[in-house]
Amino acid sequence: MAEARDLFKEFKVQSVSEFFRRNAAMLGYTGKVRSLTTIIHEAVTNSLDACEEAGILPYIRVEIEELGKEHYKVIVEDNGPGIPEDYIPHVFGKMLAGTKAHRNIQSRGQQGIGISGAVMFAQITSGKATRVITSTGGDIVEAWVKIDVQKNEGKIVKKIKHPNPKGWRGTRIELEVKEVKYVRSKQGVYWYLKLTAIANPHAHIELIEPDGKLIVFPRSSDEIPEPPVEMKPHPKGVMTDDVYTMAHRSKRSSVRRFLVSEFSRISDKKIDELIEYIAALRLIKSEERKEIREQLYERLAKGEVDAVLKSFGRKWKKVVEQVAKIMEKPPEKLTWHEAEEIVEAFKLMKFLAPPTHGLRPIGEENIEKGLKAILRPEFVTAITRPPKVYAGGIPFQVEVGLAYGGHITSSEVLRYANRVPLLFDAGSCVITSAVRSIDWKRYRIDSFDTAPLVVLVNVISVHVPYTSTGKQSIADIDEIYNEIRLALMDTARKLAFYLGGKFRRLYQVKRRKTLEKYLPEIARALHILTGEPEEKIKEYFLNLIESKIEVEEVSEVEAEATEA
């Protein structure tokens, strides 16, 4: 039998970078077309976020140069605020590092993996360092970055500084990648940038394809979205580890001040209520009889905390005093068990819904602008639903846009999360299941699959519940699913109203032509019978036809408006 020491000879600590190097597919680098699109996605989302946070209208240029078979140079340049020199190795060479992952804030990137994952992929397929050219307005810094996989650190292998007489500001990255392929498909770079332009009408995006063709997606709005606001966590959306970790990092003087200042919807009055709930839970757990414990817990869940406390006679006051002392001690001394009690009490207490002022939707007007500018439909409508919460306390919001007819020739579902197009894993996405659940025939669409209809759905949140680190599919969560359905039905009713008017107008034109076809014969016959001039008879009947059709049109419009 082998010795334990022998079994552990191969034991090795693996860095985050090394793990993702071996499991690149988890980051979306699977398949030749998808891998290239993922690189562009990571670079473009960083550029858009940086520009918006700096209050700059984004100008993004993407260039793909073919160097050989399945071998490309990828260049992405923006006019953003630039990257300070000291941060270059961290931004491009360190996994799980960034300005977004640690904040409770809506952003396109959430995990701190994105662009460093692209640098890693370029490094393992071509062996080349990534070239970064950036300036914050001072000198232009040109650096070649590689990732030290063992240490999960970025290494600058070469650096040059250049004077910047024109005051250029922005960032340009150049990655050399192999085992990828440029194809103009619905999972390729062109389609990704087209969809990005629809959801970001304030951005000017250019693409130079491998054959040298320049494609421009011009800006259709000069309105820069307001930067999202960091939001405090809500008591209903935290776990024990969250409270324990936050407490030990807090600089507040007491647990009470920590909870009031670092969570939303908690006031001093709520802390007093929290003390009572924790005391009640302690007393219930001390009760030996199971049936009594269950009855008391059921009453506590209904909010009858005073009654539960008083059912224990005089000793409840002593327990309340003990719990109150916890709230006055320094937060770094909070124990795991005490954090567990706080979270358990949170689950039973009632709180106002979390604030949603930090969410930044595209907006109905901008969705319509984006769809009109890129797709050129005959009809477009959009709706932004009021913010809601999922998982007890995580705010989210749903937007839907519909575009019909015009230059659209087939049906398409455009999925977005925080304005970012989701091109892959559609089958496992809640957006797909919600769109498929709609009975489109009720809205004058005989077959969704063949209709000239584009459906845009954007889900925004401080924490989009992706199904994997590839961030291409949103988990099937009931609250999100229901909101998407409601938004779809709202916009579909407007489409049905429009189509009803269109079909009605076509029917009336056809009917008018049929009636007018026989009018000369009727006028001639009545002229013989009555002696009235033919022209006068024709004019009478034309006016009669028009008035009857107008009355019918008004009645149908009113009926459809009531139904919508």
Protein backbone atom coordinates (compact mmCIF):
# COMPACT_ATOMS: atom_id res chain seq x y z
CA MET A 1 0.00 0.00 0.00
CA ALA A 2 1.34 3.45 -0.96
CA GLU A 3 2.41 5.86 1.78
CA ALA A 4 0.42 9.08 2.16
CA ARG A 5 3.62 11.09 1.56
CA ASP A 6 4.13 9.28 -1.77
CA LEU A 7 0.58 10.01 -2.84
CA PHE A 8 1.13 13.73 -2.28
CA LYS A 9 4.42 14.00 -4.15
CA GLU A 10 2.55 15.35 -7.18
CA PHE A 11 0.55 17.86 -5.10
CA LYS A 12 0.89 21.31 -6.66
CA VAL A 13 -0.64 24.72 -6.05
CA GLN A 14 -2.14 26.03 -9.28
CA SER A 15 -2.49 29.77 -9.94
CA VAL A 16 -5.69 31.31 -11.33
CA SER A 17 -3.89 32.10 -14.60
CA GLU A 18 -2.64 28.54 -14.95
CA PHE A 19 -6.13 27.17 -14.33
CA PHE A 20 -7.64 29.32 -17.08
CA ARG A 21 -4.73 28.57 -19.41
CA ARG A 22 -5.69 24.90 -19.19
CA ASN A 23 -9.42 25.67 -19.29
CA ALA A 24 -9.66 28.49 -21.84
CA ALA A 25 -13.04 27.17 -23.00
CA MET A 26 -14.55 28.36 -19.71
CA LEU A 27 -13.77 31.94 -20.80
CA GLY A 28 -15.40 31.50 -24.21
CA TYR A 29 -12.28 30.43 -26.16
CA THR A 30 -13.80 27.41 -27.81
CA GLY A 31 -14.07 27.12 -31.58
CA LYS A 32 -12.14 29.21 -34.09
CA VAL A 33 -14.88 31.74 -34.87
CA ARG A 34 -16.04 32.11 -31.27
CA SER A 35 -12.49 32.59 -29.95
CA LEU A 36 -11.87 35.54 -32.28
CA THR A 37 -15.23 37.09 -31.40
CA THR A 38 -14.48 36.66 -27.68
CA ILE A 39 -11.20 38.61 -28.04
CA ILE A 40 -13.03 41.50 -29.75
CA HIS A 41 -15.81 41.34 -27.16
CA GLU A 42 -13.40 41.67 -24.23
CA ALA A 43 -11.53 44.61 -25.77
CA VAL A 44 -14.63 46.49 -26.97
CA THR A 45 -16.53 46.16 -23.66
CA ASN A 46 -13.51 47.56 -21.81
CA SER A 47 -13.37 50.49 -24.23
CA LEU A 48 -17.08 51.28 -23.91
CA ASP A 49 -17.02 51.12 -20.09
CA ALA A 50 -13.90 53.31 -19.87
CA CYS A 51 -15.31 55.95 -22.23
CA GLU A 52 -18.67 56.13 -20.48
CA GLU A 53 -17.17 56.37 -16.98
CA ALA A 54 -14.96 59.22 -18.24
CA GLY A 55 -17.89 61.00 -19.92
CA ILE A 56 -16.48 60.54 -23.45
CA LEU A 57 -18.48 59.67 -26.59
CA PRO A 58 -16.83 56.39 -27.63
CA TYR A 59 -14.89 56.10 -30.90
CA ILE A 60 -13.76 52.50 -31.36
CA ARG A 61 -11.76 51.12 -34.26
CA VAL A 62 -11.30 47.37 -34.78
CA GLU A 63 -8.85 46.06 -37.35
CA ILE A 64 -8.26 42.42 -38.22
CA GLU A 65 -5.21 41.67 -40.34
CA GLU A 66 -4.68 38.18 -41.79
CA LEU A 67 -1.09 37.01 -41.33
CA GLY A 68 -1.54 33.43 -42.50
CA LYS A 69 -3.91 30.50 -42.33
CA GLU A 70 -5.95 30.90 -39.12
CA HIS A 71 -3.38 33.47 -38.02
CA TYR A 72 -4.42 37.11 -37.41
CA LYS A 73 -3.34 40.35 -35.83
CA VAL A 74 -6.19 41.94 -33.89
CA ILE A 75 -6.06 45.69 -33.21
CA VAL A 76 -8.58 47.57 -31.06
CA GLU A 77 -8.20 51.30 -30.47
CA ASP A 78 -10.37 53.72 -28.49
CA ASN A 79 -10.47 57.37 -27.48
CA GLY A 80 -10.98 56.61 -23.78
CA PRO A 81 -9.20 58.08 -20.76
CA GLY A 82 -6.13 55.86 -21.22
CA ILE A 83 -4.40 53.64 -18.66
CA PRO A 84 -1.87 54.94 -16.11
CA GLU A 85 1.55 53.41 -16.76
CA ASP A 86 1.74 51.61 -13.40
CA TYR A 87 -1.53 49.78 -14.05
CA ILE A 88 -0.68 48.35 -17.48
CA PRO A 89 0.69 44.98 -16.20
CA HIS A 90 -2.28 44.59 -13.82
CA VAL A 91 -4.95 45.42 -16.43
CA PHE A 92 -3.58 43.13 -19.13
CA GLY A 93 -1.68 40.51 -17.16
CA LYS A 94 -3.48 39.68 -13.92
CA MET A 95 -6.58 37.50 -13.71
CA LEU A 96 -9.40 38.56 -11.34
CA ALA A 97 -8.16 42.14 -11.18
CA GLY A 98 -9.95 45.28 -12.34
CA THR A 99 -12.05 48.28 -11.45
CA LYS A 100 -15.41 46.47 -11.58
CA ALA A 101 -15.38 42.99 -10.04
CA HIS A 102 -15.17 44.17 -6.40
CA ARG A 103 -17.88 46.85 -6.72
CA ASN A 104 -21.64 46.43 -6.47
CA ILE A 105 -22.14 48.31 -9.72
CA GLN A 106 -23.66 47.70 -13.16
CA SER A 107 -20.96 47.17 -15.78
CA ARG A 108 -20.37 45.18 -18.94
CA GLY A 109 -17.53 43.22 -17.34
CA GLN A 110 -17.99 41.73 -13.87
CA GLN A 111 -15.28 39.19 -13.17
CA GLY A 112 -11.93 40.88 -13.78
CA ILE A 113 -10.91 38.14 -16.21
CA GLY A 114 -11.85 39.52 -19.65
CA ILE A 115 -8.96 41.36 -21.33
CA SER A 116 -6.28 39.43 -19.43
CA GLY A 117 -7.95 36.26 -20.73
CA ALA A 118 -7.55 37.60 -24.29
CA VAL A 119 -3.85 38.32 -23.62
CA MET A 120 -3.49 34.78 -22.26
CA PHE A 121 -5.14 33.26 -25.36
CA ALA A 122 -2.87 35.26 -27.68
CA GLN A 123 0.16 34.16 -25.67
CA ILE A 124 -0.65 30.43 -25.69
CA THR A 125 -1.55 30.33 -29.41
CA SER A 126 1.17 32.56 -30.89
CA GLY A 127 3.78 32.84 -28.15
CA LYS A 128 3.81 36.61 -28.70
CA ALA A 129 3.42 39.41 -26.16
CA THR A 130 0.50 41.82 -26.48
CA ARG A 131 1.45 45.33 -27.58
CA VAL A 132 -0.25 48.12 -25.64
CA ILE A 133 -0.08 51.79 -26.63
CA THR A 134 -1.78 54.17 -24.23
CA SER A 135 -1.77 57.71 -22.91
CA THR A 136 -3.73 59.62 -20.31
CA GLY A 137 -2.77 62.88 -22.03
CA GLY A 138 0.92 62.94 -21.10
CA ASP A 139 3.64 60.80 -22.68
CA ILE A 140 2.58 57.91 -24.91
CA VAL A 141 3.58 54.58 -23.34
CA GLU A 142 4.25 51.64 -25.64
CA ALA A 143 4.56 48.34 -23.76
CA TRP A 144 4.70 44.64 -24.63
CA VAL A 145 2.88 42.56 -21.98
CA LYS A 146 3.03 38.85 -21.17
CA ILE A 147 1.43 36.88 -18.34
CA ASP A 148 3.55 34.99 -15.81
CA VAL A 149 1.19 32.03 -15.53
CA GLN A 150 2.80 30.62 -12.38
CA LYS A 151 2.44 33.88 -10.43
CA ASN A 152 -0.72 35.26 -12.10
CA GLU A 153 1.14 38.48 -12.83
CA GLY A 154 1.66 40.67 -15.85
CA LYS A 155 5.22 41.21 -17.06
CA ILE A 156 6.28 44.10 -19.26
CA VAL A 157 8.95 42.58 -21.51
CA LYS A 158 9.68 45.87 -23.29
CA LYS A 159 8.62 49.48 -22.78
CA ILE A 160 9.18 52.69 -24.76
CA LYS A 161 7.96 56.21 -24.01
CA HIS A 162 7.13 58.67 -26.77
CA PRO A 163 6.43 62.42 -26.64
CA ASN A 164 2.79 63.39 -27.17
CA PRO A 165 2.75 66.87 -28.76
CA LYS A 166 -0.89 66.55 -29.93
CA GLY A 167 -2.15 65.43 -26.52
CA TRP A 168 -3.54 62.12 -27.80
CA ARG A 169 -5.43 60.14 -25.22
CA GLY A 170 -6.74 56.60 -25.46
CA THR A 171 -5.65 52.98 -25.67
CA ARG A 172 -4.62 50.73 -28.56
CA ILE A 173 -3.95 47.01 -28.12
CA GLU A 174 -2.48 44.61 -30.66
CA LEU A 175 -2.75 40.86 -30.18
CA GLU A 176 -1.37 38.18 -32.48
CA VAL A 177 -3.51 35.04 -32.38
CA LYS A 178 -3.55 31.68 -34.11
CA GLU A 179 -6.13 28.87 -34.40
CA VAL A 180 -8.91 31.40 -35.01
CA LYS A 181 -10.99 32.24 -38.07
CA TYR A 182 -12.70 35.36 -39.40
CA VAL A 183 -16.11 34.56 -40.87
CA ARG A 184 -19.00 36.93 -41.56
CA SER A 185 -21.48 34.75 -39.68
CA LYS A 186 -23.97 35.48 -36.93
CA GLN A 187 -21.37 34.39 -34.39
CA GLY A 188 -18.55 36.38 -35.91
CA VAL A 189 -16.93 39.75 -35.29
CA TYR A 190 -19.00 41.70 -37.84
CA TRP A 191 -22.30 40.57 -36.34
CA TYR A 192 -21.04 41.20 -32.80
CA LEU A 193 -20.09 44.81 -33.62
CA LYS A 194 -23.36 45.37 -35.49
CA LEU A 195 -25.32 44.27 -32.41
CA THR A 196 -23.09 46.37 -30.16
CA ALA A 197 -23.88 49.43 -32.31
CA ILE A 198 -27.64 48.81 -31.94
CA ALA A 199 -27.48 48.76 -28.13
CA ASN A 200 -24.95 51.60 -27.93
CA PRO A 201 -26.21 54.29 -30.34
CA HIS A 202 -23.85 56.83 -28.70
CA ALA A 203 -20.79 54.86 -29.93
CA HIS A 204 -19.03 55.25 -33.29
CA ILE A 205 -17.61 51.87 -34.30
CA GLU A 206 -15.39 51.05 -37.27
CA LEU A 207 -14.28 47.63 -38.52
CA ILE A 208 -11.54 46.93 -41.03
CA GLU A 209 -11.97 43.35 -42.23
CA PRO A 210 -9.06 41.10 -43.30
CA ASP A 211 -9.68 41.96 -46.98
CA GLY A 212 -9.29 45.69 -46.20
CA LYS A 213 -12.99 46.55 -46.39
CA LEU A 214 -14.01 49.37 -44.02
CA ILE A 215 -17.40 49.05 -42.31
CA VAL A 216 -18.73 51.97 -40.27
CA PHE A 217 -21.49 51.84 -37.69
CA PRO A 218 -22.03 55.59 -37.19
CA ARG A 219 -23.15 57.21 -33.97
CA SER A 220 -26.90 57.89 -33.95
CA SER A 221 -27.07 59.64 -30.55
CA ASP A 222 -24.84 62.28 -28.93
CA GLU A 223 -26.18 61.48 -25.48
CA ILE A 224 -23.58 59.86 -23.22
CA PRO A 225 -25.23 57.43 -20.77
CA GLU A 226 -24.96 58.51 -17.17
CA PRO A 227 -22.32 56.43 -15.40
CA PRO A 228 -23.81 53.73 -13.16
CA VAL A 229 -23.75 54.32 -9.41
CA GLU A 230 -22.29 51.84 -6.96
CA MET A 231 -25.04 50.38 -4.79
CA LYS A 232 -24.83 49.04 -1.28
CA PRO A 233 -25.76 45.37 -0.82
CA HIS A 234 -29.28 44.62 0.34
CA PRO A 235 -29.82 42.51 3.50
CA LYS A 236 -31.93 39.99 1.58
CA GLY A 237 -29.20 39.33 -0.97
CA VAL A 238 -26.21 38.52 1.28
CA MET A 239 -24.73 35.36 2.73
CA THR A 240 -22.94 34.79 6.03
CA ASP A 241 -19.53 35.05 4.36
CA ASP A 242 -20.48 38.45 2.88
CA VAL A 243 -21.37 39.91 6.28
CA TYR A 244 -18.36 38.34 8.01
CA THR A 245 -15.86 39.48 5.35
CA MET A 246 -17.29 42.99 5.05
CA ALA A 247 -17.30 43.39 8.84
CA HIS A 248 -13.65 42.45 9.15
CA ARG A 249 -12.71 44.93 6.41
CA SER A 250 -14.85 47.74 7.79
CA LYS A 251 -13.35 50.81 9.44
CA ARG A 252 -16.55 51.63 11.35
CA SER A 253 -16.53 51.92 15.13
CA SER A 254 -19.23 49.31 15.83
CA VAL A 255 -21.25 46.52 14.25
CA ARG A 256 -24.31 48.79 14.40
CA ARG A 257 -22.55 51.58 12.46
CA PHE A 258 -21.15 49.00 10.03
CA LEU A 259 -24.59 47.59 9.20
CA VAL A 260 -26.25 51.02 8.92
CA SER A 261 -23.55 52.55 6.72
CA GLU A 262 -22.60 49.64 4.45
CA PHE A 263 -25.99 48.07 3.66
CA SER A 264 -29.04 49.55 1.99
CA ARG A 265 -32.40 49.81 3.75
CA ILE A 266 -30.91 49.46 7.27
CA SER A 267 -31.47 52.23 9.80
CA ASP A 268 -30.90 52.45 13.56
CA LYS A 269 -34.54 51.49 14.03
CA LYS A 270 -33.97 48.38 11.89
CA ILE A 271 -30.94 47.47 14.05
CA ASP A 272 -33.17 47.55 17.14
CA GLU A 273 -35.58 45.24 15.30
CA LEU A 274 -32.66 43.00 14.24
CA ILE A 275 -31.59 42.67 17.89
CA GLU A 276 -35.06 41.44 18.81
CA TYR A 277 -35.15 38.92 15.94
CA ILE A 278 -31.73 37.48 16.85
CA ALA A 279 -32.79 37.24 20.51
CA ALA A 280 -36.02 35.50 19.51
CA LEU A 281 -34.10 33.01 17.35
CA ARG A 282 -31.75 32.22 20.25
CA LEU A 283 -34.68 31.64 22.59
CA ILE A 284 -36.51 29.44 20.08
CA LYS A 285 -33.40 27.26 19.63
CA SER A 286 -33.18 26.87 23.42
CA GLU A 287 -36.69 25.39 23.52
CA GLU A 288 -36.42 21.60 23.96
CA ARG A 289 -39.81 20.63 22.50
CA LYS A 290 -39.70 20.39 18.72
CA GLU A 291 -43.39 21.16 18.13
CA ILE A 292 -43.15 24.33 20.26
CA ARG A 293 -39.99 25.42 18.39
CA GLU A 294 -41.77 25.00 15.06
CA GLN A 295 -44.83 26.96 16.24
CA LEU A 296 -42.71 29.82 17.56
CA TYR A 297 -40.58 29.95 14.41
CA GLU A 298 -43.74 30.09 12.29
CA ARG A 299 -45.00 33.04 14.35
CA LEU A 300 -41.62 34.77 14.05
CA ALA A 301 -41.72 34.36 10.27
CA LYS A 302 -45.08 36.17 10.32
CA GLY A 303 -43.46 39.12 12.09
CA GLU A 304 -44.81 38.42 15.60
CA VAL A 305 -41.44 39.05 17.25
CA ASP A 306 -42.83 40.78 20.37
CA ALA A 307 -45.24 37.93 21.09
CA VAL A 308 -42.49 35.33 20.63
CA LEU A 309 -40.14 37.16 23.00
CA LYS A 310 -42.79 37.61 25.70
CA SER A 311 -43.72 33.91 25.52
CA PHE A 312 -40.38 33.21 27.25
CA GLY A 313 -41.25 35.23 30.35
CA ARG A 314 -38.61 37.37 32.05
CA LYS A 315 -35.49 35.85 30.46
CA TRP A 316 -36.09 37.43 27.03
CA LYS A 317 -34.83 40.83 28.25
CA LYS A 318 -31.49 39.36 29.29
CA VAL A 319 -31.03 37.76 25.86
CA VAL A 320 -31.89 41.05 24.12
CA GLU A 321 -29.23 42.80 26.23
CA GLN A 322 -26.65 40.17 25.23
CA VAL A 323 -27.42 40.64 21.54
CA ALA A 324 -27.37 44.45 21.89
CA LYS A 325 -23.77 44.21 23.14
CA ILE A 326 -22.79 42.50 19.85
CA MET A 327 -24.02 45.55 17.95
CA GLU A 328 -21.74 47.85 19.95
CA LYS A 329 -18.49 45.93 19.58
CA PRO A 330 -15.95 46.63 16.80
CA PRO A 331 -16.96 44.94 13.51
CA GLU A 332 -13.58 43.19 13.15
CA LYS A 333 -14.46 41.20 16.30
CA LEU A 334 -17.70 39.85 14.83
CA THR A 335 -17.60 36.04 14.93
CA TRP A 336 -18.79 33.71 12.17
CA HIS A 337 -21.62 32.46 14.38
CA GLU A 338 -22.80 36.03 15.04
CA ALA A 339 -22.70 36.83 11.32
CA GLU A 340 -24.74 33.67 10.75
CA GLU A 341 -27.34 34.87 13.27
CA ILE A 342 -27.54 38.27 11.55
CA VAL A 343 -28.17 36.70 8.13
CA GLU A 344 -30.74 34.28 9.54
CA ALA A 345 -32.61 37.22 11.08
CA PHE A 346 -32.37 39.18 7.81
CA LYS A 347 -34.26 36.36 6.07
CA LEU A 348 -37.18 36.71 8.48
CA MET A 349 -37.35 40.51 8.61
CA LYS A 350 -39.14 42.76 6.16
CA PHE A 351 -37.15 45.39 4.26
CA LEU A 352 -37.96 47.90 1.58
CA ALA A 353 -36.92 46.74 -1.89
CA PRO A 354 -33.33 47.68 -2.72
CA PRO A 355 -32.75 51.05 -4.40
CA THR A 356 -32.46 50.84 -8.16
CA HIS A 357 -31.13 54.32 -8.92
CA GLY A 358 -27.77 52.81 -9.86
CA LEU A 359 -29.13 50.89 -12.86
CA ARG A 360 -28.60 52.48 -16.27
CA PRO A 361 -30.88 51.12 -19.03
CA ILE A 362 -30.40 51.93 -22.70
CA GLY A 363 -33.77 53.71 -22.68
CA GLU A 364 -36.75 53.37 -25.01
CA GLU A 365 -35.76 56.28 -27.24
CA ASN A 366 -32.18 55.04 -27.68
CA ILE A 367 -33.29 51.48 -28.40
CA GLU A 368 -35.55 52.80 -31.15
CA LYS A 369 -32.73 54.98 -32.53
CA GLY A 370 -30.33 52.03 -32.60
CA LEU A 371 -32.80 49.68 -34.31
CA LYS A 372 -33.78 52.31 -36.89
CA ALA A 373 -30.19 53.30 -37.71
CA ILE A 374 -28.83 49.77 -38.19
CA LEU A 375 -31.84 47.67 -39.31
CA ARG A 376 -34.01 50.30 -41.10
CA PRO A 377 -37.39 48.71 -40.29
CA GLU A 378 -40.83 50.05 -41.20
CA PHE A 379 -42.01 49.85 -37.56
CA VAL A 380 -40.15 49.98 -34.27
CA THR A 381 -41.21 50.14 -30.64
CA ALA A 382 -39.48 49.68 -27.28
CA ILE A 383 -40.25 49.48 -23.58
CA THR A 384 -38.12 49.74 -20.44
CA ARG A 385 -39.76 47.94 -17.52
CA PRO A 386 -39.57 49.33 -13.95
CA PRO A 387 -36.67 47.89 -11.91
CA LYS A 388 -37.28 44.68 -9.94
CA VAL A 389 -35.19 42.38 -7.72
CA TYR A 390 -34.24 38.72 -7.83
CA ALA A 391 -32.68 36.39 -5.23
CA GLY A 392 -34.31 38.52 -2.54
CA GLY A 393 -32.22 41.64 -3.04
CA ILE A 394 -30.34 41.94 -6.35
CA PRO A 395 -31.81 44.69 -8.55
CA PHE A 396 -32.33 44.16 -12.28
CA GLN A 397 -34.25 45.72 -15.14
CA VAL A 398 -35.52 44.45 -18.48
CA GLU A 399 -35.81 46.29 -21.80
CA VAL A 400 -37.37 45.03 -25.02
CA GLY A 401 -37.38 46.47 -28.53
CA LEU A 402 -39.28 45.18 -31.58
CA ALA A 403 -38.46 46.03 -35.19
CA TYR A 404 -40.68 44.87 -38.05
CA GLY A 405 -40.54 44.89 -41.84
CA GLY A 406 -38.56 47.33 -43.97
CA HIS A 407 -35.08 45.91 -44.64
CA ILE A 408 -35.67 43.03 -42.18
CA THR A 409 -36.27 39.76 -44.01
CA SER A 410 -36.28 37.12 -41.25
CA SER A 411 -36.83 36.71 -37.52
CA GLU A 412 -33.99 37.26 -35.07
CA VAL A 413 -33.63 37.41 -31.29
CA LEU A 414 -30.93 39.85 -30.16
CA ARG A 415 -29.89 38.99 -26.60
CA TYR A 416 -28.03 41.49 -24.40
CA ALA A 417 -26.76 41.71 -20.83
CA ASN A 418 -25.79 45.21 -19.69
CA ARG A 419 -25.78 46.30 -23.37
CA VAL A 420 -23.35 43.49 -24.34
CA PRO A 421 -24.48 41.16 -27.19
CA LEU A 422 -24.78 37.48 -26.26
CA LEU A 423 -24.03 35.47 -29.41
CA PHE A 424 -23.56 31.97 -28.05
CA ASP A 425 -25.33 29.38 -25.86
CA ALA A 426 -28.76 30.76 -26.82
CA GLY A 427 -30.51 27.47 -26.04
CA SER A 428 -29.76 27.68 -22.32
CA CYS A 429 -30.62 31.40 -21.98
CA VAL A 430 -33.70 32.70 -20.17
CA ILE A 431 -34.21 35.28 -22.95
CA THR A 432 -34.65 32.54 -25.56
CA SER A 433 -37.11 30.59 -23.43
CA ALA A 434 -39.14 33.74 -22.69
CA VAL A 435 -39.36 34.72 -26.39
CA ARG A 436 -40.36 31.17 -27.35
CA SER A 437 -43.08 31.13 -24.67
CA ILE A 438 -45.03 33.97 -26.31
CA ASP A 439 -48.04 33.05 -28.45
CA TRP A 440 -47.13 35.35 -31.33
CA LYS A 441 -50.32 34.52 -33.27
CA ARG A 442 -52.26 36.59 -30.74
CA TYR A 443 -50.27 39.58 -31.98
CA ARG A 444 -50.90 39.07 -35.73
CA ILE A 445 -47.62 37.17 -36.30
CA ASP A 446 -48.62 33.87 -37.92
CA SER A 447 -45.17 32.29 -37.59
CA PHE A 448 -42.39 33.85 -35.53
CA ASP A 449 -39.73 31.82 -37.35
CA THR A 450 -40.60 33.27 -40.76
CA ALA A 451 -41.78 36.77 -39.81
CA PRO A 452 -39.64 39.84 -40.71
CA LEU A 453 -39.28 40.58 -37.00
CA VAL A 454 -36.30 41.38 -34.77
CA VAL A 455 -36.70 41.12 -30.98
CA LEU A 456 -34.13 42.88 -28.79
CA VAL A 457 -33.97 41.97 -25.08
CA ASN A 458 -31.54 43.66 -22.69
CA VAL A 459 -31.19 42.49 -19.08
CA ILE A 460 -29.30 44.87 -16.80
CA SER A 461 -28.13 44.27 -13.25
CA VAL A 462 -25.25 44.79 -10.86
CA HIS A 463 -24.90 40.99 -10.96
CA VAL A 464 -26.18 39.39 -14.16
CA PRO A 465 -26.70 35.70 -13.31
CA TYR A 466 -24.68 34.14 -16.14
CA THR A 467 -24.69 30.37 -16.50
CA SER A 468 -20.88 30.24 -16.87
CA THR A 469 -17.70 32.37 -16.90
CA GLY A 470 -18.08 32.62 -20.68
CA LYS A 471 -20.89 35.16 -19.98
CA GLN A 472 -23.00 34.23 -23.02
CA SER A 473 -26.18 32.93 -21.41
CA ILE A 474 -28.40 34.19 -18.57
CA ALA A 475 -29.68 31.72 -15.99
CA ASP A 476 -33.37 30.83 -15.97
CA ILE A 477 -34.51 32.80 -12.91
CA ASP A 478 -38.28 33.15 -12.45
CA GLU A 479 -38.30 36.89 -11.71
CA ILE A 480 -36.22 37.68 -14.80
CA TYR A 481 -38.22 35.28 -17.00
CA ASN A 482 -41.53 36.87 -15.94
CA GLU A 483 -40.27 40.42 -16.51
CA ILE A 484 -39.05 39.55 -20.01
CA ARG A 485 -42.44 38.02 -20.85
CA LEU A 486 -44.33 41.10 -19.61
CA ALA A 487 -42.09 43.41 -21.64
CA LEU A 488 -42.48 41.23 -24.74
CA MET A 489 -46.26 41.24 -24.44
CA ASP A 490 -46.34 45.04 -23.97
CA THR A 491 -44.34 45.65 -27.15
CA ALA A 492 -46.14 42.90 -29.06
CA ARG A 493 -49.49 44.63 -28.39
CA LYS A 494 -48.12 47.81 -30.00
CA LEU A 495 -46.93 45.78 -32.98
CA ALA A 496 -50.35 44.11 -33.28
CA PHE A 497 -52.02 47.54 -33.25
CA TYR A 498 -49.71 48.72 -36.03
CA LEU A 499 -50.23 45.57 -38.10
CA GLY A 500 -53.98 45.80 -37.56
CA GLY A 501 -53.95 49.31 -39.04
CA LYS A 502 -51.74 48.20 -41.92
CA PHE A 503 -53.94 45.22 -42.79
CA ARG A 504 -57.05 47.35 -42.35
CA ARG A 505 -55.74 49.98 -44.76
CA LEU A 506 -54.87 47.32 -47.36
CA TYR A 507 -58.35 45.79 -47.01
CA GLN A 508 -60.08 49.17 -47.37
CA VAL A 509 -58.05 50.05 -50.46
CA LYS A 510 -58.98 46.73 -52.04
CA ARG A 511 -62.64 47.18 -51.08
CA ARG A 512 -62.73 50.75 -52.41
CA LYS A 513 -61.29 49.62 -55.74
CA THR A 514 -63.89 46.85 -56.01
CA LEU A 515 -66.79 49.25 -55.38
CA GLU A 516 -65.38 51.90 -57.74
CA LYS A 517 -64.98 49.27 -60.46
CA TYR A 518 -68.78 48.93 -60.80
CA LEU A 519 -69.60 52.63 -60.24
CA PRO A 520 -69.71 53.68 -63.95
CA GLU A 521 -72.31 51.00 -64.76
CA ILE A 522 -74.41 51.93 -61.72
CA ALA A 523 -74.24 55.64 -62.61
CA ARG A 524 -75.24 54.90 -66.23
CA ALA A 525 -78.24 52.75 -65.18
CA LEU A 526 -79.48 55.32 -62.65
CA HIS A 527 -79.06 58.10 -65.21
CA ILE A 528 -81.43 56.23 -67.52
CA LEU A 529 -83.94 55.64 -64.71
CA THR A 530 -83.85 59.07 -63.05
CA GLY A 531 -82.49 61.42 -65.67
CA GLU A 532 -79.85 62.76 -63.27
CA PRO A 533 -76.39 63.49 -64.77
CA GLU A 534 -73.97 60.54 -64.56
CA GLU A 535 -71.20 62.66 -63.03
CA LYS A 536 -73.48 63.84 -60.23
CA ILE A 537 -74.54 60.22 -59.48
CA LYS A 538 -70.89 59.06 -59.46
CA GLU A 539 -69.89 61.89 -57.11
CA TYR A 540 -72.75 60.99 -54.73
CA PHE A 541 -71.73 57.33 -54.54
CA LEU A 542 -68.00 58.15 -54.17
CA ASN A 543 -68.82 60.35 -51.15
CA LEU A 544 -71.06 57.60 -49.75
CA ILE A 545 -68.28 54.97 -50.10
CA GLU A 546 -65.73 57.25 -48.43
CA SER A 547 -68.00 58.08 -45.48
CA LYS A 548 -68.91 54.42 -44.88
CA ILE A 549 -65.27 53.32 -44.98
CA GLU A 550 -64.23 56.15 -42.61
CA VAL A 551 -66.92 55.15 -40.08
CA GLU A 552 -65.76 51.52 -40.20
CA GLU A 553 -62.09 52.53 -39.80
CA VAL A 554 -62.84 54.67 -36.72
CA SER A 555 -64.83 51.84 -35.09
CA GLU A 556 -62.05 49.28 -35.72
CA VAL A 557 -59.31 51.62 -34.45
CA GLU A 558 -61.26 52.30 -31.24
CA ALA A 559 -61.85 48.58 -30.71
CA GLU A 560 -58.16 47.72 -31.23
CA ALA A 561 -57.01 50.59 -29.00
CA THR A 562 -59.25 49.30 -26.19
CA GLU A 563 -57.89 45.77 -26.70
CA ALA A 564 -54.25 47.00 -26.72
